PDB file of N, CA and C in Angstrom:
ATOM      1  N   MET A   1       0.850  -1.172   0.000  1.00  0.00           N
ATOM      2  CA  MET A   1       0.000   0.000   0.000  1.00  0.00           C
ATOM      3  C   MET A   1       0.892   1.229   0.000  1.00  0.00           C
ATOM      4  N   GLN A   2       0.539   2.179  -0.838  1.00  0.00           N
ATOM      5  CA  GLN A   2       1.315   3.404  -0.930  1.00  0.00           C
ATOM      6  C   GLN A   2       0.896   4.370   0.168  1.00  0.00           C
ATOM      7  N   THR A   3       1.854   5.041   0.785  1.00  0.00           N
ATOM      8  CA  THR A   3       1.534   6.009   1.835  1.00  0.00           C
ATOM      9  C   THR A   3       0.950   7.255   1.199  1.00  0.00           C
ATOM     10  N   SER A   4       0.083   7.904   1.939  1.00  0.00           N
ATOM     11  CA  SER A   4      -0.566   9.094   1.439  1.00  0.00           C
ATOM     12  C   SER A   4      -0.160  10.291   2.280  1.00  0.00           C
ATOM     13  N   ASP A   5      -0.400  11.477   1.759  1.00  0.00           N
ATOM     14  CA  ASP A   5      -0.124  12.694   2.507  1.00  0.00           C
ATOM     15  C   ASP A   5      -1.287  13.076   3.410  1.00  0.00           C
ATOM     16  N   VAL A   6      -2.328  12.267   3.460  1.00  0.00           N
ATOM     17  CA  VAL A   6      -3.468  12.563   4.312  1.00  0.00           C
ATOM     18  C   VAL A   6      -3.060  12.361   5.766  1.00  0.00           C
ATOM     19  N   PRO A   7      -3.263  13.381   6.620  1.00  0.00           N
ATOM     20  CA  PRO A   7      -2.856  13.245   8.018  1.00  0.00           C
ATOM     21  C   PRO A   7      -3.711  12.241   8.788  1.00  0.00           C
ATOM     22  N   LEU A   8      -3.141  11.716   9.867  1.00  0.00           N
ATOM     23  CA  LEU A   8      -3.863  10.796  10.742  1.00  0.00           C
ATOM     24  C   LEU A   8      -5.155  11.458  11.197  1.00  0.00           C
ATOM     25  N   GLY A   9      -6.217  10.718  11.170  1.00  0.00           N
ATOM     26  CA  GLY A   9      -7.507  11.249  11.590  1.00  0.00           C
ATOM     27  C   GLY A   9      -8.405  11.585  10.415  1.00  0.00           C
ATOM     28  N   GLU A  10      -7.822  11.810   9.245  1.00  0.00           N
ATOM     29  CA  GLU A  10      -8.615  12.026   8.039  1.00  0.00           C
ATOM     30  C   GLU A  10      -8.574  10.742   7.231  1.00  0.00           C
ATOM     31  N   GLY A  11      -9.712  10.354   6.724  1.00  0.00           N
ATOM     32  CA  GLY A  11      -9.741   9.140   5.932  1.00  0.00           C
ATOM     33  C   GLY A  11      -9.286   9.368   4.513  1.00  0.00           C
ATOM     34  N   ASP A  12      -8.617   8.388   3.956  1.00  0.00           N
ATOM     35  CA  ASP A  12      -8.144   8.420   2.584  1.00  0.00           C
ATOM     36  C   ASP A  12      -8.870   7.312   1.822  1.00  0.00           C
ATOM     37  N   PRO A  13      -9.763   7.668   0.889  1.00  0.00           N
ATOM     38  CA  PRO A  13     -10.526   6.634   0.193  1.00  0.00           C
ATOM     39  C   PRO A  13      -9.654   5.673  -0.620  1.00  0.00           C
ATOM     40  N   ALA A  14      -8.515   6.127  -1.117  1.00  0.00           N
ATOM     41  CA  ALA A  14      -7.630   5.222  -1.863  1.00  0.00           C
ATOM     42  C   ALA A  14      -7.046   4.161  -0.940  1.00  0.00           C
ATOM     43  N   ARG A  15      -6.601   4.566   0.236  1.00  0.00           N
ATOM     44  CA  ARG A  15      -6.117   3.571   1.209  1.00  0.00           C
ATOM     45  C   ARG A  15      -7.274   2.690   1.659  1.00  0.00           C
ATOM     46  N   GLY A  16      -8.450   3.286   1.804  1.00  0.00           N
ATOM     47  CA  GLY A  16      -9.629   2.520   2.203  1.00  0.00           C
ATOM     48  C   GLY A  16      -9.995   1.456   1.198  1.00  0.00           C
ATOM     49  N   GLU A  17      -9.838   1.765  -0.074  1.00  0.00           N
ATOM     50  CA  GLU A  17     -10.133   0.767  -1.114  1.00  0.00           C
ATOM     51  C   GLU A  17      -9.192  -0.427  -1.001  1.00  0.00           C
ATOM     52  N   VAL A  18      -7.912  -0.166  -0.770  1.00  0.00           N
ATOM     53  CA  VAL A  18      -6.935  -1.245  -0.611  1.00  0.00           C
ATOM     54  C   VAL A  18      -7.288  -2.087   0.613  1.00  0.00           C
ATOM     55  N   LEU A  19      -7.628  -1.430   1.713  1.00  0.00           N
ATOM     56  CA  LEU A  19      -8.021  -2.148   2.929  1.00  0.00           C
ATOM     57  C   LEU A  19      -9.291  -2.958   2.705  1.00  0.00           C
ATOM     58  N   PHE A  20     -10.249  -2.366   2.014  1.00  0.00           N
ATOM     59  CA  PHE A  20     -11.504  -3.061   1.733  1.00  0.00           C
ATOM     60  C   PHE A  20     -11.228  -4.343   0.960  1.00  0.00           C
ATOM     61  N   GLU A  21     -10.439  -4.238  -0.092  1.00  0.00           N
ATOM     62  CA  GLU A  21     -10.118  -5.415  -0.900  1.00  0.00           C
ATOM     63  C   GLU A  21      -9.366  -6.459  -0.080  1.00  0.00           C
ATOM     64  N   ARG A  22      -8.472  -6.034   0.762  1.00  0.00           N
ATOM     65  CA  ARG A  22      -7.647  -6.952   1.536  1.00  0.00           C
ATOM     66  C   ARG A  22      -8.386  -7.553   2.734  1.00  0.00           C
ATOM     67  N   ARG A  23      -9.210  -6.762   3.415  1.00  0.00           N
ATOM     68  CA  ARG A  23      -9.752  -7.213   4.690  1.00  0.00           C
ATOM     69  C   ARG A  23     -11.258  -7.439   4.708  1.00  0.00           C
ATOM     70  N   CYS A  24     -11.983  -6.871   3.770  1.00  0.00           N
ATOM     71  CA  CYS A  24     -13.448  -6.941   3.833  1.00  0.00           C
ATOM     72  C   CYS A  24     -14.083  -7.775   2.721  1.00  0.00           C
ATOM     73  N   SER A  25     -13.374  -7.897   1.590  1.00  0.00           N
ATOM     74  CA  SER A  25     -13.987  -8.490   0.405  1.00  0.00           C
ATOM     75  C   SER A  25     -14.242  -9.992   0.513  1.00  0.00           C
ATOM     76  N   GLY A  26     -13.752 -10.629   1.566  1.00  0.00           N
ATOM     77  CA  GLY A  26     -14.084 -12.033   1.766  1.00  0.00           C
ATOM     78  C   GLY A  26     -15.565 -12.229   2.070  1.00  0.00           C
ATOM     79  N   CYS A  27     -16.176 -11.213   2.674  1.00  0.00           N
ATOM     80  CA  CYS A  27     -17.598 -11.282   3.035  1.00  0.00           C
ATOM     81  C   CYS A  27     -18.451 -10.226   2.342  1.00  0.00           C
ATOM     82  N   HIS A  28     -17.821  -9.133   1.906  1.00  0.00           N
ATOM     83  CA  HIS A  28     -18.571  -8.007   1.341  1.00  0.00           C
ATOM     84  C   HIS A  28     -18.094  -7.659  -0.059  1.00  0.00           C
ATOM     85  N   ALA A  29     -19.008  -7.099  -0.837  1.00  0.00           N
ATOM     86  CA  ALA A  29     -18.709  -6.473  -2.120  1.00  0.00           C
ATOM     87  C   ALA A  29     -19.485  -5.164  -2.143  1.00  0.00           C
ATOM     88  N   LEU A  30     -19.115  -4.293  -3.037  1.00  0.00           N
ATOM     89  CA  LEU A  30     -19.863  -3.037  -3.122  1.00  0.00           C
ATOM     90  C   LEU A  30     -21.249  -3.249  -3.710  1.00  0.00           C
ATOM     91  N   THR A  31     -21.362  -4.067  -4.755  1.00  0.00           N
ATOM     92  CA  THR A  31     -22.607  -4.107  -5.524  1.00  0.00           C
ATOM     93  C   THR A  31     -23.398  -5.403  -5.425  1.00  0.00           C
ATOM     94  N   GLN A  32     -22.972  -6.322  -4.572  1.00  0.00           N
ATOM     95  CA  GLN A  32     -23.761  -7.553  -4.411  1.00  0.00           C
ATOM     96  C   GLN A  32     -23.646  -8.058  -2.988  1.00  0.00           C
ATOM     97  N   ASN A  33     -24.695  -8.734  -2.558  1.00  0.00           N
ATOM     98  CA  ASN A  33     -24.688  -9.359  -1.244  1.00  0.00           C
ATOM     99  C   ASN A  33     -23.861 -10.633  -1.309  1.00  0.00           C
ATOM    100  N   ARG A  34     -23.103 -10.868  -0.268  1.00  0.00           N
ATOM    101  CA  ARG A  34     -22.327 -12.098  -0.113  1.00  0.00           C
ATOM    102  C   ARG A  34     -22.648 -12.633   1.272  1.00  0.00           C
ATOM    103  N   GLY A  35     -21.622 -13.017   2.027  1.00  0.00           N
ATOM    104  CA  GLY A  35     -21.834 -13.410   3.415  1.00  0.00           C
ATOM    105  C   GLY A  35     -22.299 -12.232   4.249  1.00  0.00           C
ATOM    106  N   GLY A  36     -21.947 -11.040   3.790  1.00  0.00           N
ATOM    107  CA  GLY A  36     -22.406  -9.776   4.378  1.00  0.00           C
ATOM    108  C   GLY A  36     -23.108  -8.976   3.292  1.00  0.00           C
ATOM    109  N   PRO A  37     -23.822  -7.928   3.687  1.00  0.00           N
ATOM    110  CA  PRO A  37     -24.578  -7.148   2.702  1.00  0.00           C
ATOM    111  C   PRO A  37     -23.676  -6.330   1.790  1.00  0.00           C
ATOM    112  N   GLN A  38     -24.221  -5.958   0.632  1.00  0.00           N
ATOM    113  CA  GLN A  38     -23.505  -5.056  -0.269  1.00  0.00           C
ATOM    114  C   GLN A  38     -23.282  -3.728   0.445  1.00  0.00           C
ATOM    115  N   LEU A  39     -22.128  -3.117   0.187  1.00  0.00           N
ATOM    116  CA  LEU A  39     -21.767  -1.917   0.929  1.00  0.00           C
ATOM    117  C   LEU A  39     -21.780  -0.635   0.112  1.00  0.00           C
ATOM    118  N   GLN A  40     -22.044  -0.719  -1.169  1.00  0.00           N
ATOM    119  CA  GLN A  40     -22.208   0.526  -1.916  1.00  0.00           C
ATOM    120  C   GLN A  40     -23.477   1.195  -1.402  1.00  0.00           C
ATOM    121  N   GLY A  41     -23.358   2.446  -1.001  1.00  0.00           N
ATOM    122  CA  GLY A  41     -24.504   3.155  -0.464  1.00  0.00           C
ATOM    123  C   GLY A  41     -24.743   2.930   1.008  1.00  0.00           C
ATOM    124  N   VAL A  42     -23.848   2.219   1.705  1.00  0.00           N
ATOM    125  CA  VAL A  42     -24.051   1.978   3.129  1.00  0.00           C
ATOM    126  C   VAL A  42     -24.008   3.275   3.927  1.00  0.00           C
ATOM    127  N   TYR A  43     -23.153   4.215   3.521  1.00  0.00           N
ATOM    128  CA  TYR A  43     -23.061   5.498   4.216  1.00  0.00           C
ATOM    129  C   TYR A  43     -24.379   6.236   4.001  1.00  0.00           C
ATOM    130  N   GLY A  44     -25.077   6.523   5.084  1.00  0.00           N
ATOM    131  CA  GLY A  44     -26.381   7.174   5.023  1.00  0.00           C
ATOM    132  C   GLY A  44     -27.556   6.212   5.033  1.00  0.00           C
ATOM    133  N   ARG A  45     -27.292   4.921   4.903  1.00  0.00           N
ATOM    134  CA  ARG A  45     -28.343   3.902   4.917  1.00  0.00           C
ATOM    135  C   ARG A  45     -28.661   3.513   6.359  1.00  0.00           C
ATOM    136  N   THR A  46     -29.862   3.088   6.600  1.00  0.00           N
ATOM    137  CA  THR A  46     -30.257   2.596   7.917  1.00  0.00           C
ATOM    138  C   THR A  46     -29.860   1.134   8.045  1.00  0.00           C
ATOM    139  N   SER A  47     -29.341   0.772   9.207  1.00  0.00           N
ATOM    140  CA  SER A  47     -28.891  -0.605   9.447  1.00  0.00           C
ATOM    141  C   SER A  47     -30.007  -1.605   9.158  1.00  0.00           C
ATOM    142  N   GLY A  48     -29.595  -2.727   8.584  1.00  0.00           N
ATOM    143  CA  GLY A  48     -30.537  -3.820   8.343  1.00  0.00           C
ATOM    144  C   GLY A  48     -31.469  -3.618   7.176  1.00  0.00           C
ATOM    145  N   THR A  49     -31.110  -2.739   6.214  1.00  0.00           N
ATOM    146  CA  THR A  49     -32.058  -2.440   5.140  1.00  0.00           C
ATOM    147  C   THR A  49     -31.534  -2.675   3.723  1.00  0.00           C
ATOM    148  N   ALA A  50     -30.361  -3.254   3.541  1.00  0.00           N
ATOM    149  CA  ALA A  50     -29.897  -3.534   2.174  1.00  0.00           C
ATOM    150  C   ALA A  50     -30.835  -4.557   1.542  1.00  0.00           C
ATOM    151  N   VAL A  51     -31.307  -4.243   0.366  1.00  0.00           N
ATOM    152  CA  VAL A  51     -32.270  -5.092  -0.333  1.00  0.00           C
ATOM    153  C   VAL A  51     -31.675  -6.469  -0.593  1.00  0.00           C
ATOM    154  N   GLY A  52     -32.448  -7.496  -0.261  1.00  0.00           N
ATOM    155  CA  GLY A  52     -32.068  -8.866  -0.580  1.00  0.00           C
ATOM    156  C   GLY A  52     -31.128  -9.534   0.405  1.00  0.00           C
ATOM    157  N   PHE A  53     -30.737  -8.837   1.479  1.00  0.00           N
ATOM    158  CA  PHE A  53     -29.855  -9.466   2.448  1.00  0.00           C
ATOM    159  C   PHE A  53     -30.644  -9.776   3.711  1.00  0.00           C
ATOM    160  N   VAL A  54     -30.432 -10.972   4.269  1.00  0.00           N
ATOM    161  CA  VAL A  54     -31.121 -11.377   5.497  1.00  0.00           C
ATOM    162  C   VAL A  54     -30.230 -11.025   6.686  1.00  0.00           C
ATOM    163  N   TYR A  55     -30.631 -10.020   7.431  1.00  0.00           N
ATOM    164  CA  TYR A  55     -29.884  -9.518   8.578  1.00  0.00           C
ATOM    165  C   TYR A  55     -30.283 -10.209   9.866  1.00  0.00           C
ATOM    166  N   SER A  56     -29.412 -10.103  10.855  1.00  0.00           N
ATOM    167  CA  SER A  56     -29.757 -10.555  12.201  1.00  0.00           C
ATOM    168  C   SER A  56     -30.877  -9.652  12.735  1.00  0.00           C
ATOM    169  N   ALA A  57     -31.647 -10.164  13.661  1.00  0.00           N
ATOM    170  CA  ALA A  57     -32.709  -9.372  14.278  1.00  0.00           C
ATOM    171  C   ALA A  57     -32.125  -8.126  14.944  1.00  0.00           C
ATOM    172  N   ALA A  58     -30.939  -8.263  15.522  1.00  0.00           N
ATOM    173  CA  ALA A  58     -30.304  -7.127  16.208  1.00  0.00           C
ATOM    174  C   ALA A  58     -30.060  -5.967  15.240  1.00  0.00           C
ATOM    175  N   LEU A  59     -29.557  -6.248  14.051  1.00  0.00           N
ATOM    176  CA  LEU A  59     -29.308  -5.172  13.084  1.00  0.00           C
ATOM    177  C   LEU A  59     -30.600  -4.610  12.515  1.00  0.00           C
ATOM    178  N   ARG A  60     -31.598  -5.448  12.310  1.00  0.00           N
ATOM    179  CA  ARG A  60     -32.887  -4.952  11.810  1.00  0.00           C
ATOM    180  C   ARG A  60     -33.526  -4.014  12.823  1.00  0.00           C
ATOM    181  N   ARG A  61     -33.397  -4.344  14.107  1.00  0.00           N
ATOM    182  CA  ARG A  61     -34.013  -3.528  15.167  1.00  0.00           C
ATOM    183  C   ARG A  61     -33.223  -2.275  15.499  1.00  0.00           C
ATOM    184  N   ALA A  62     -31.934  -2.245  15.222  1.00  0.00           N
ATOM    185  CA  ALA A  62     -31.063  -1.160  15.688  1.00  0.00           C
ATOM    186  C   ALA A  62     -31.470   0.212  15.143  1.00  0.00           C
ATOM    187  N   GLY A  63     -31.881   0.280  13.901  1.00  0.00           N
ATOM    188  CA  GLY A  63     -32.311   1.552  13.329  1.00  0.00           C
ATOM    189  C   GLY A  63     -31.223   2.617  13.282  1.00  0.00           C
ATOM    190  N   ILE A  64     -29.986   2.201  13.126  1.00  0.00           N
ATOM    191  CA  ILE A  64     -28.860   3.131  13.096  1.00  0.00           C
ATOM    192  C   ILE A  64     -28.636   3.601  11.668  1.00  0.00           C
ATOM    193  N   VAL A  65     -28.442   4.893  11.502  1.00  0.00           N
ATOM    194  CA  VAL A  65     -28.060   5.422  10.193  1.00  0.00           C
ATOM    195  C   VAL A  65     -26.538   5.448  10.165  1.00  0.00           C
ATOM    196  N   TRP A  66     -25.963   4.807   9.163  1.00  0.00           N
ATOM    197  CA  TRP A  66     -24.510   4.682   9.080  1.00  0.00           C
ATOM    198  C   TRP A  66     -23.877   5.998   8.646  1.00  0.00           C
ATOM    199  N   ASP A  67     -23.053   6.550   9.542  1.00  0.00           N
ATOM    200  CA  ASP A  67     -22.274   7.756   9.277  1.00  0.00           C
ATOM    201  C   ASP A  67     -20.885   7.556   9.869  1.00  0.00           C
ATOM    202  N   GLU A  68     -20.064   8.611   9.914  1.00  0.00           N
ATOM    203  CA  GLU A  68     -18.694   8.455  10.413  1.00  0.00           C
ATOM    204  C   GLU A  68     -18.662   7.844  11.817  1.00  0.00           C
ATOM    205  N   LYS A  69     -19.475   8.401  12.707  1.00  0.00           N
ATOM    206  CA  LYS A  69     -19.443   7.952  14.106  1.00  0.00           C
ATOM    207  C   LYS A  69     -19.965   6.528  14.253  1.00  0.00           C
ATOM    208  N   SER A  70     -21.104   6.239  13.653  1.00  0.00           N
ATOM    209  CA  SER A  70     -21.676   4.899  13.821  1.00  0.00           C
ATOM    210  C   SER A  70     -20.806   3.840  13.140  1.00  0.00           C
ATOM    211  N   LEU A  71     -20.265   4.155  11.956  1.00  0.00           N
ATOM    212  CA  LEU A  71     -19.373   3.190  11.300  1.00  0.00           C
ATOM    213  C   LEU A  71     -18.091   2.980  12.099  1.00  0.00           C
ATOM    214  N   ASP A  72     -17.562   4.044  12.690  1.00  0.00           N
ATOM    215  CA  ASP A  72     -16.363   3.905  13.514  1.00  0.00           C
ATOM    216  C   ASP A  72     -16.650   3.020  14.726  1.00  0.00           C
ATOM    217  N   ASN A  73     -17.775   3.244  15.387  1.00  0.00           N
ATOM    218  CA  ASN A  73     -18.156   2.398  16.530  1.00  0.00           C
ATOM    219  C   ASN A  73     -18.355   0.951  16.099  1.00  0.00           C
ATOM    220  N   TRP A  74     -19.009   0.760  14.977  1.00  0.00           N
ATOM    221  CA  TRP A  74     -19.278  -0.576  14.448  1.00  0.00           C
ATOM    222  C   TRP A  74     -17.982  -1.312  14.128  1.00  0.00           C
ATOM    223  N   LEU A  75     -17.105  -0.655  13.379  1.00  0.00           N
ATOM    224  CA  LEU A  75     -15.858  -1.301  12.982  1.00  0.00           C
ATOM    225  C   LEU A  75     -14.922  -1.521  14.169  1.00  0.00           C
ATOM    226  N   SER A  76     -15.016  -0.679  15.195  1.00  0.00           N
ATOM    227  CA  SER A  76     -14.186  -0.833  16.400  1.00  0.00           C
ATOM    228  C   SER A  76     -14.524  -2.108  17.149  1.00  0.00           C
ATOM    229  N   ASP A  77     -15.822  -2.366  17.295  1.00  0.00           N
ATOM    230  CA  ASP A  77     -16.269  -3.546  18.041  1.00  0.00           C
ATOM    231  C   ASP A  77     -17.752  -3.775  17.771  1.00  0.00           C
ATOM    232  N   PRO A  78     -18.067  -4.512  16.708  1.00  0.00           N
ATOM    233  CA  PRO A  78     -19.472  -4.726  16.345  1.00  0.00           C
ATOM    234  C   PRO A  78     -20.319  -5.313  17.477  1.00  0.00           C
ATOM    235  N   ASP A  79     -19.760  -6.244  18.250  1.00  0.00           N
ATOM    236  CA  ASP A  79     -20.539  -6.875  19.324  1.00  0.00           C
ATOM    237  C   ASP A  79     -20.873  -5.910  20.450  1.00  0.00           C
ATOM    238  N   ALA A  80     -19.976  -4.990  20.754  1.00  0.00           N
ATOM    239  CA  ALA A  80     -20.252  -4.000  21.800  1.00  0.00           C
ATOM    240  C   ALA A  80     -21.250  -2.958  21.300  1.00  0.00           C
ATOM    241  N   PHE A  81     -21.163  -2.610  20.016  1.00  0.00           N
ATOM    242  CA  PHE A  81     -22.021  -1.571  19.457  1.00  0.00           C
ATOM    243  C   PHE A  81     -23.448  -2.076  19.248  1.00  0.00           C
ATOM    244  N   ILE A  82     -23.592  -3.256  18.678  1.00  0.00           N
ATOM    245  CA  ILE A  82     -24.911  -3.857  18.454  1.00  0.00           C
ATOM    246  C   ILE A  82     -24.823  -5.323  18.854  1.00  0.00           C
ATOM    247  N   PRO A  83     -25.075  -5.617  20.129  1.00  0.00           N
ATOM    248  CA  PRO A  83     -25.029  -7.009  20.579  1.00  0.00           C
ATOM    249  C   PRO A  83     -26.016  -7.884  19.802  1.00  0.00           C
ATOM    250  N   GLY A  84     -25.573  -9.090  19.483  1.00  0.00           N
ATOM    251  CA  GLY A  84     -26.432 -10.035  18.789  1.00  0.00           C
ATOM    252  C   GLY A  84     -26.306  -9.987  17.278  1.00  0.00           C
ATOM    253  N   ASN A  85     -25.386  -9.180  16.763  1.00  0.00           N
ATOM    254  CA  ASN A  85     -25.182  -9.145  15.314  1.00  0.00           C
ATOM    255  C   ASN A  85     -24.347 -10.355  14.903  1.00  0.00           C
ATOM    256  N   GLU A  86     -24.145 -10.538  13.604  1.00  0.00           N
ATOM    257  CA  GLU A  86     -23.428 -11.713  13.126  1.00  0.00           C
ATOM    258  C   GLU A  86     -22.079 -11.394  12.483  1.00  0.00           C
ATOM    259  N   MET A  87     -21.573 -10.169  12.665  1.00  0.00           N
ATOM    260  CA  MET A  87     -20.275  -9.828  12.077  1.00  0.00           C
ATOM    261  C   MET A  87     -19.160 -10.231  13.029  1.00  0.00           C
ATOM    262  N   ASP A  88     -18.246 -11.048  12.523  1.00  0.00           N
ATOM    263  CA  ASP A  88     -17.140 -11.570  13.338  1.00  0.00           C
ATOM    264  C   ASP A  88     -15.824 -10.897  12.992  1.00  0.00           C
ATOM    265  N   PHE A  89     -15.827  -9.607  12.796  1.00  0.00           N
ATOM    266  CA  PHE A  89     -14.630  -8.909  12.334  1.00  0.00           C
ATOM    267  C   PHE A  89     -14.606  -7.521  12.941  1.00  0.00           C
ATOM    268  N   MET A  90     -13.424  -7.037  13.285  1.00  0.00           N
ATOM    269  CA  MET A  90     -13.287  -5.666  13.749  1.00  0.00           C
ATOM    270  C   MET A  90     -11.988  -5.084  13.216  1.00  0.00           C
ATOM    271  N   VAL A  91     -11.912  -3.770  13.214  1.00  0.00           N
ATOM    272  CA  VAL A  91     -10.730  -3.051  12.741  1.00  0.00           C
ATOM    273  C   VAL A  91     -10.195  -2.266  13.928  1.00  0.00           C
ATOM    274  N   SER A  92      -9.086  -2.708  14.476  1.00  0.00           N
ATOM    275  CA  SER A  92      -8.574  -2.105  15.706  1.00  0.00           C
ATOM    276  C   SER A  92      -7.832  -0.790  15.492  1.00  0.00           C
ATOM    277  N   GLU A  93      -7.264  -0.574  14.307  1.00  0.00           N
ATOM    278  CA  GLU A  93      -6.483   0.641  14.052  1.00  0.00           C
ATOM    279  C   GLU A  93      -7.389   1.808  13.648  1.00  0.00           C
ATOM    280  N   PRO A  94      -7.376   2.903  14.417  1.00  0.00           N
ATOM    281  CA  PRO A  94      -8.242   4.046  14.100  1.00  0.00           C
ATOM    282  C   PRO A  94      -8.051   4.598  12.688  1.00  0.00           C
ATOM    283  N   GLN A  95      -6.812   4.685  12.206  1.00  0.00           N
ATOM    284  CA  GLN A  95      -6.589   5.231  10.863  1.00  0.00           C
ATOM    285  C   GLN A  95      -7.175   4.313   9.796  1.00  0.00           C
ATOM    286  N   GLU A  96      -7.063   3.018   9.994  1.00  0.00           N
ATOM    287  CA  GLU A  96      -7.655   2.086   9.032  1.00  0.00           C
ATOM    288  C   GLU A  96      -9.174   2.239   9.004  1.00  0.00           C
ATOM    289  N   ARG A  97      -9.785   2.421  10.169  1.00  0.00           N
ATOM    290  CA  ARG A  97     -11.238   2.641  10.207  1.00  0.00           C
ATOM    291  C   ARG A  97     -11.600   3.904   9.439  1.00  0.00           C
ATOM    292  N   GLN A  98     -10.845   4.982   9.643  1.00  0.00           N
ATOM    293  CA  GLN A  98     -11.129   6.233   8.945  1.00  0.00           C
ATOM    294  C   GLN A  98     -10.980   6.081   7.436  1.00  0.00           C
ATOM    295  N   ASP A  99      -9.978   5.344   7.013  1.00  0.00           N
ATOM    296  CA  ASP A  99      -9.770   5.118   5.582  1.00  0.00           C
ATOM    297  C   ASP A  99     -10.915   4.294   4.990  1.00  0.00           C
ATOM    298  N   LEU A 100     -11.321   3.249   5.684  1.00  0.00           N
ATOM    299  CA  LEU A 100     -12.446   2.430   5.211  1.00  0.00           C
ATOM    300  C   LEU A 100     -13.730   3.255   5.144  1.00  0.00           C
ATOM    301  N   ILE A 101     -13.982   4.046   6.164  1.00  0.00           N
ATOM    302  CA  ILE A 101     -15.192   4.880   6.197  1.00  0.00           C
ATOM    303  C   ILE A 101     -15.164   5.880   5.051  1.00  0.00           C
ATOM    304  N   SER A 102     -14.004   6.475   4.797  1.00  0.00           N
ATOM    305  CA  SER A 102     -13.875   7.417   3.681  1.00  0.00           C
ATOM    306  C   SER A 102     -14.173   6.721   2.351  1.00  0.00           C
ATOM    307  N   TYR A 103     -13.672   5.510   2.197  1.00  0.00           N
ATOM    308  CA  TYR A 103     -13.939   4.737   0.982  1.00  0.00           C
ATOM    309  C   TYR A 103     -15.434   4.434   0.846  1.00  0.00           C
ATOM    310  N   LEU A 104     -16.063   4.009   1.922  1.00  0.00           N
ATOM    311  CA  LEU A 104     -17.496   3.703   1.878  1.00  0.00           C
ATOM    312  C   LEU A 104     -18.315   4.957   1.603  1.00  0.00           C
ATOM    313  N   LYS A 105     -17.919   6.065   2.224  1.00  0.00           N
ATOM    314  CA  LYS A 105     -18.624   7.323   1.983  1.00  0.00           C
ATOM    315  C   LYS A 105     -18.473   7.736   0.523  1.00  0.00           C
ATOM    316  N   HIS A 106     -17.290   7.604  -0.010  1.00  0.00           N
ATOM    317  CA  HIS A 106     -17.013   7.936  -1.402  1.00  0.00           C
ATOM    318  C   HIS A 106     -17.894   7.106  -2.353  1.00  0.00           C
ATOM    319  N   ASN A 107     -18.227   5.896  -1.957  1.00  0.00           N
ATOM    320  CA  ASN A 107     -19.044   4.996  -2.772  1.00  0.00           C
ATOM    321  C   ASN A 107     -20.520   5.018  -2.376  1.00  0.00           C
ATOM    322  N   SER A 108     -20.937   6.035  -1.670  1.00  0.00           N
ATOM    323  CA  SER A 108     -22.316   6.055  -1.181  1.00  0.00           C
ATOM    324  C   SER A 108     -23.334   6.436  -2.257  1.00  0.00           C
ATOM    325  N   SER A 109     -22.897   7.109  -3.299  1.00  0.00           N
ATOM    326  CA  SER A 109     -23.875   7.561  -4.295  1.00  0.00           C
ATOM    327  C   SER A 109     -23.600   7.037  -5.692  1.00  0.00           C
ATOM    328  N   GLU A 110     -22.715   6.063  -5.813  1.00  0.00           N
ATOM    329  CA  GLU A 110     -22.405   5.538  -7.153  1.00  0.00           C
ATOM    330  C   GLU A 110     -23.320   4.398  -7.519  1.00  0.00           C
TER     331      GLU A 110
END
């Protein structure tokens, strides 16, 4: 991965794309449901509402709108943020979370 001039704390969608491909694409894709829901348009979407994906009851009930804060909390520790969900993955590095969120936000309207 190439280093960017983006300072820590700001997300870089290019780094986020590399992270997404490396760490998320085993379960997620932007435009199709897999083991996890499609993530194109996730930024601004309400939890548990991607068309055609069967969510856990916890995510359907949560009613969270995905934005910087909620995605950061989710990626930090999905089980603590929404107990009873089925995601078995977390991103411990704050900069990686910001980069992923920037990438998802960048792909929210395509």
